[in-house]
Amino acid sequence: IQKELQEMLINKEQLTAKRNENELVLWEFELLEPEANVYKLVGPIMAKQDLNESKGNVKERIKFLDGEM
């Protein structure tokens, strides 16, 4: 039981770190002008992405991480 608890705590810490990172990204997106260029790393290239689409993706990730926690 102790080992399972330790693994769960490690997983929660990792999920919390990922959620915090996504919260920071969302905060940075809010600072951008509506016409700002946003790029996403796709394999070896940086692909241009719509700001609203990017915000939506990050919000969905945050919801997913909340569900996992």
C-alpha atoms as a PDB file:
ATOM      1  CA  ILE A   1       0.000   0.000   0.000  1.00  0.00           C
ATOM      2  CA  GLN A   2       2.856   2.383   0.819  1.00  0.00           C
ATOM      3  CA  LYS A   3       4.388   1.842  -2.622  1.00  0.00           C
ATOM      4  CA  GLU A   4       1.042   2.490  -4.344  1.00  0.00           C
ATOM      5  CA  LEU A   5       0.574   5.655  -2.310  1.00  0.00           C
ATOM      6  CA  GLN A   6       4.040   6.860  -3.238  1.00  0.00           C
ATOM      7  CA  GLU A   7       3.370   6.204  -6.951  1.00  0.00           C
ATOM      8  CA  MET A   8       0.070   8.090  -6.729  1.00  0.00           C
ATOM      9  CA  LEU A   9       1.787  11.051  -5.079  1.00  0.00           C
ATOM     10  CA  ILE A  10       4.460  11.109  -7.786  1.00  0.00           C
ATOM     11  CA  ASN A  11       1.783  10.987 -10.503  1.00  0.00           C
ATOM     12  CA  LYS A  12      -0.154  13.800  -8.821  1.00  0.00           C
ATOM     13  CA  GLU A  13       2.994  15.939  -8.622  1.00  0.00           C
ATOM     14  CA  GLN A  14       3.650  15.371 -12.332  1.00  0.00           C
ATOM     15  CA  LEU A  15       0.061  16.205 -13.267  1.00  0.00           C
ATOM     16  CA  THR A  16       0.147  19.311 -11.078  1.00  0.00           C
ATOM     17  CA  ALA A  17       3.372  20.459 -12.742  1.00  0.00           C
ATOM     18  CA  LYS A  18       1.853  19.953 -16.200  1.00  0.00           C
ATOM     19  CA  ARG A  19      -1.299  21.806 -15.166  1.00  0.00           C
ATOM     20  CA  ASN A  20       0.734  24.720 -13.801  1.00  0.00           C
ATOM     21  CA  GLU A  21       2.716  24.871 -17.039  1.00  0.00           C
ATOM     22  CA  ASN A  22      -0.501  24.985 -19.064  1.00  0.00           C
ATOM     23  CA  GLU A  23      -1.920  27.685 -16.786  1.00  0.00           C
ATOM     24  CA  LEU A  24       1.200  29.763 -17.485  1.00  0.00           C
ATOM     25  CA  VAL A  25       0.802  29.252 -21.234  1.00  0.00           C
ATOM     26  CA  LEU A  26      -2.839  30.328 -21.038  1.00  0.00           C
ATOM     27  CA  TRP A  27      -1.831  33.399 -19.020  1.00  0.00           C
ATOM     28  CA  GLU A  28       0.786  34.264 -21.672  1.00  0.00           C
ATOM     29  CA  PHE A  29      -1.830  33.859 -24.420  1.00  0.00           C
ATOM     30  CA  GLU A  30      -4.050  36.386 -22.635  1.00  0.00           C
ATOM     31  CA  LEU A  31      -1.228  38.950 -22.872  1.00  0.00           C
ATOM     32  CA  LEU A  32      -1.037  38.638 -26.660  1.00  0.00           C
ATOM     33  CA  GLU A  33      -2.773  40.927 -29.105  1.00  0.00           C
ATOM     34  CA  PRO A  34      -5.643  39.218 -30.996  1.00  0.00           C
ATOM     35  CA  GLU A  35      -3.668  39.363 -34.270  1.00  0.00           C
ATOM     36  CA  ALA A  36      -0.475  37.926 -32.756  1.00  0.00           C
ATOM     37  CA  ASN A  37       1.206  34.992 -34.468  1.00  0.00           C
ATOM     38  CA  VAL A  38       1.304  31.729 -32.518  1.00  0.00           C
ATOM     39  CA  TYR A  39       3.392  28.754 -33.573  1.00  0.00           C
ATOM     40  CA  LYS A  40       3.216  25.124 -32.513  1.00  0.00           C
ATOM     41  CA  LEU A  41       6.075  22.658 -32.718  1.00  0.00           C
ATOM     42  CA  VAL A  42       4.971  19.819 -35.014  1.00  0.00           C
ATOM     43  CA  GLY A  43       7.793  17.358 -35.461  1.00  0.00           C
ATOM     44  CA  PRO A  44      10.812  19.300 -36.735  1.00  0.00           C
ATOM     45  CA  ILE A  45       8.838  22.378 -37.894  1.00  0.00           C
ATOM     46  CA  MET A  46       7.045  25.315 -36.314  1.00  0.00           C
ATOM     47  CA  ALA A  47       3.509  25.494 -37.726  1.00  0.00           C
ATOM     48  CA  LYS A  48       1.441  28.666 -37.511  1.00  0.00           C
ATOM     49  CA  GLN A  49      -1.706  28.218 -35.424  1.00  0.00           C
ATOM     50  CA  ASP A  50      -4.720  30.421 -34.713  1.00  0.00           C
ATOM     51  CA  LEU A  51      -4.570  32.123 -31.297  1.00  0.00           C
ATOM     52  CA  ASN A  52      -8.143  31.143 -30.383  1.00  0.00           C
ATOM     53  CA  GLU A  53      -7.491  27.546 -31.406  1.00  0.00           C
ATOM     54  CA  SER A  54      -4.355  27.504 -29.272  1.00  0.00           C
ATOM     55  CA  LYS A  55      -6.246  28.890 -26.265  1.00  0.00           C
ATOM     56  CA  GLY A  56      -8.940  26.260 -26.747  1.00  0.00           C
ATOM     57  CA  ASN A  57      -6.370  23.471 -26.903  1.00  0.00           C
ATOM     58  CA  VAL A  58      -4.703  24.624 -23.692  1.00  0.00           C
ATOM     59  CA  LYS A  59      -8.051  24.935 -21.906  1.00  0.00           C
ATOM     60  CA  GLU A  60      -8.933  21.391 -22.988  1.00  0.00           C
ATOM     61  CA  ARG A  61      -5.581  20.125 -21.701  1.00  0.00           C
ATOM     62  CA  ILE A  62      -6.234  21.785 -18.347  1.00  0.00           C
ATOM     63  CA  LYS A  63      -9.677  20.129 -18.137  1.00  0.00           C
ATOM     64  CA  PHE A  64      -8.120  16.768 -18.992  1.00  0.00           C
ATOM     65  CA  LEU A  65      -5.405  17.179 -16.358  1.00  0.00           C
ATOM     66  CA  ASP A  66      -8.027  18.168 -13.763  1.00  0.00           C
ATOM     67  CA  GLY A  67      -9.929  14.993 -14.582  1.00  0.00           C
ATOM     68  CA  GLU A  68      -6.794  12.883 -14.244  1.00  0.00           C
ATOM     69  CA  MET A  69      -6.032  14.367 -10.828  1.00  0.00           C
END
